[in-house]
Amino acid sequence: MSDESSPNFILGYTSDETVLLDFDEASLEMVKYWARRAWKKFKLGGFIVLESSPHSYHVVFNRRVYWSENMRVVAWVALLSRREKMRRWFLMQCIKEKSTLRVSPKAEVSGVVKPSPRLVCCEGSQDNQIAGYLEFSGLIQGLVDELSQSVVR
């Protein structure tokens, strides 16, 4: 480990009761299409779409579900959308037995920092799981901002 190396902390939202989707290398239109299909088919109450980096999106659904239904929804989207990265993300969530999406900034190997995911779309109800997600991500963003200001001083 070199002296220039520094830890890369990534904070995420983890849940076994919230349906989460992680789309990489996707268009916003395609993400909204699959979010709407899952929302209606599984009666998930509503959803938000967050841009986690260019052409990468997170989807958070509003209705609380059991783990088995959660994974049924994610598997359905992964299989029907034929998104290989979504399929691999789904398998990792199955192994962990909880789903996680990044909420903090992320430093990449090249030194480029991906900002915290930002809200780009919302539809339907936002009062249950989405409200909890937004409260948590707001708390994390506040901590990141406070720490960043402390380092600058």
Protein backbone atom coordinates (compact mmCIF):
# COMPACT_ATOMS: atom_id res chain seq x y z
CA MET A 1 0.00 0.00 0.00
CA SER A 2 1.46 3.36 -0.99
CA ASP A 3 1.41 6.57 1.04
CA GLU A 4 -0.87 8.14 -1.57
CA SER A 5 -3.55 5.50 -1.03
CA SER A 6 -6.54 6.56 1.01
CA PRO A 7 -9.60 4.66 2.12
CA ASN A 8 -12.64 4.80 -0.14
CA PHE A 9 -15.77 4.78 2.00
CA ILE A 10 -19.05 4.10 0.26
CA LEU A 11 -22.29 4.34 2.18
CA GLY A 12 -25.39 2.57 0.99
CA TYR A 13 -29.04 1.94 1.75
CA THR A 14 -29.66 -1.72 2.57
CA SER A 15 -33.06 -3.36 2.96
CA ASP A 16 -34.78 -6.70 2.62
CA GLU A 17 -38.23 -5.05 2.58
CA THR A 18 -37.71 -2.48 -0.19
CA VAL A 19 -37.65 -3.44 -3.86
CA LEU A 20 -34.51 -1.86 -5.33
CA LEU A 21 -33.19 -2.05 -8.89
CA ASP A 22 -29.72 -1.13 -10.18
CA PHE A 23 -29.48 -0.37 -13.91
CA ASP A 24 -26.03 0.21 -15.43
CA GLU A 25 -25.38 1.27 -19.02
CA ALA A 26 -29.04 2.13 -19.56
CA SER A 27 -31.13 4.99 -20.86
CA LEU A 28 -33.50 6.83 -18.56
CA GLU A 29 -36.40 5.93 -20.87
CA MET A 30 -35.61 2.20 -20.61
CA VAL A 31 -35.30 2.42 -16.78
CA LYS A 32 -38.66 4.21 -16.51
CA TYR A 33 -40.24 1.60 -18.80
CA TRP A 34 -39.16 -1.29 -16.53
CA ALA A 35 -39.96 0.63 -13.35
CA ARG A 36 -43.49 1.31 -14.59
CA ARG A 37 -44.01 -2.31 -15.65
CA ALA A 38 -42.83 -3.66 -12.28
CA TRP A 39 -44.80 -0.99 -10.37
CA LYS A 40 -48.05 -1.94 -12.10
CA LYS A 41 -47.56 -5.73 -12.25
CA PHE A 42 -46.56 -6.08 -8.59
CA LYS A 43 -48.66 -3.16 -7.25
CA LEU A 44 -45.63 -1.49 -5.65
CA GLY A 45 -47.35 1.82 -4.86
CA GLY A 46 -44.92 4.14 -6.63
CA PHE A 47 -41.25 4.54 -7.48
CA ILE A 48 -38.39 6.98 -7.76
CA VAL A 49 -35.51 6.87 -10.22
CA LEU A 50 -32.11 8.22 -9.23
CA GLU A 51 -29.17 8.82 -11.55
CA SER A 52 -26.13 7.28 -9.86
CA SER A 53 -23.72 8.21 -12.68
CA PRO A 54 -24.11 8.86 -16.43
CA HIS A 55 -26.25 6.05 -17.91
CA SER A 56 -26.62 4.34 -14.51
CA TYR A 57 -29.79 4.49 -12.44
CA HIS A 58 -31.27 3.23 -9.19
CA VAL A 59 -34.98 2.54 -8.70
CA VAL A 60 -36.66 2.46 -5.28
CA PHE A 61 -40.27 1.26 -4.93
CA ASN A 62 -42.71 2.41 -2.25
CA ARG A 63 -44.58 -0.66 -0.97
CA ARG A 64 -42.98 -2.75 1.80
CA VAL A 65 -42.59 -6.39 0.74
CA TYR A 66 -41.29 -9.68 2.08
CA TRP A 67 -37.85 -10.79 0.87
CA SER A 68 -39.30 -13.51 -1.38
CA GLU A 69 -41.52 -11.02 -3.23
CA ASN A 70 -38.64 -8.53 -3.38
CA MET A 71 -36.43 -11.04 -5.18
CA ARG A 72 -39.31 -12.20 -7.40
CA VAL A 73 -39.69 -8.60 -8.65
CA VAL A 74 -35.95 -8.12 -9.22
CA ALA A 75 -35.65 -11.52 -10.95
CA TRP A 76 -38.63 -10.69 -13.18
CA VAL A 77 -37.04 -7.39 -14.29
CA ALA A 78 -33.57 -8.94 -14.70
CA LEU A 79 -34.85 -11.82 -16.83
CA LEU A 80 -37.36 -9.97 -19.00
CA SER A 81 -35.14 -6.92 -19.57
CA ARG A 82 -32.19 -9.17 -20.50
CA ARG A 83 -29.84 -6.86 -18.60
CA GLU A 84 -26.72 -8.89 -17.76
CA LYS A 85 -25.48 -6.41 -15.16
CA MET A 86 -28.91 -6.43 -13.50
CA ARG A 87 -28.82 -10.24 -13.43
CA ARG A 88 -25.41 -10.21 -11.74
CA TRP A 89 -26.56 -7.53 -9.25
CA PHE A 90 -29.65 -9.66 -8.48
CA LEU A 91 -27.48 -12.73 -7.78
CA MET A 92 -25.25 -10.74 -5.40
CA GLN A 93 -28.30 -9.47 -3.50
CA CYS A 94 -29.53 -13.07 -3.18
CA ILE A 95 -26.17 -14.11 -1.72
CA LYS A 96 -26.24 -11.19 0.79
CA GLU A 97 -29.97 -11.72 1.55
CA LYS A 98 -30.47 -7.94 1.47
CA SER A 99 -30.39 -5.38 -1.34
CA THR A 100 -28.07 -2.38 -1.30
CA LEU A 101 -27.84 0.79 -3.38
CA ARG A 102 -25.10 3.41 -3.02
CA VAL A 103 -26.18 6.75 -1.53
CA SER A 104 -22.81 8.44 -0.94
CA PRO A 105 -20.28 9.78 -3.42
CA LYS A 106 -17.84 7.18 -4.75
CA ALA A 107 -14.23 7.64 -5.78
CA GLU A 108 -13.28 5.53 -8.77
CA VAL A 109 -9.87 4.00 -9.41
CA SER A 110 -9.08 6.76 -11.92
CA GLY A 111 -9.60 9.39 -9.20
CA VAL A 112 -12.90 10.60 -10.65
CA VAL A 113 -15.62 10.99 -8.01
CA LYS A 114 -19.15 9.83 -8.77
CA PRO A 115 -21.53 12.13 -6.88
CA SER A 116 -24.34 10.88 -4.67
CA PRO A 117 -27.28 9.63 -6.74
CA ARG A 118 -29.74 12.40 -7.66
CA LEU A 119 -33.49 12.14 -8.11
CA VAL A 120 -34.58 12.34 -11.76
CA CYS A 121 -38.11 10.89 -11.77
CA CYS A 122 -40.91 9.93 -9.39
CA GLU A 123 -44.34 8.41 -9.94
CA GLY A 124 -47.10 7.24 -7.62
CA SER A 125 -47.03 7.20 -3.83
CA GLN A 126 -43.86 8.26 -2.01
CA ASP A 127 -44.92 7.82 1.63
CA ASN A 128 -43.55 4.43 2.78
CA GLN A 129 -40.29 2.83 1.69
CA ILE A 130 -39.38 5.78 -0.52
CA ALA A 131 -39.82 8.21 2.37
CA GLY A 132 -37.47 6.05 4.48
CA TYR A 133 -34.93 5.85 1.67
CA LEU A 134 -35.00 9.62 1.09
CA GLU A 135 -34.67 10.35 4.81
CA PHE A 136 -31.66 8.03 5.06
CA SER A 137 -29.97 9.35 1.91
CA GLY A 138 -30.55 12.94 3.10
CA LEU A 139 -28.90 12.11 6.42
CA ILE A 140 -25.92 10.57 4.64
CA GLN A 141 -25.61 13.54 2.27
CA GLY A 142 -25.69 15.92 5.26
CA LEU A 143 -22.89 13.96 6.94
CA VAL A 144 -20.83 13.90 3.74
CA ASP A 145 -21.28 17.66 3.32
CA GLU A 146 -20.33 18.30 6.95
CA LEU A 147 -17.23 16.12 6.68
CA SER A 148 -16.22 17.78 3.42
CA GLN A 149 -16.45 21.22 5.02
CA SER A 150 -14.40 20.01 8.02
CA VAL A 151 -11.62 18.78 5.73
CA VAL A 152 -11.55 22.10 3.81
CA ARG A 153 -11.15 24.15 7.01
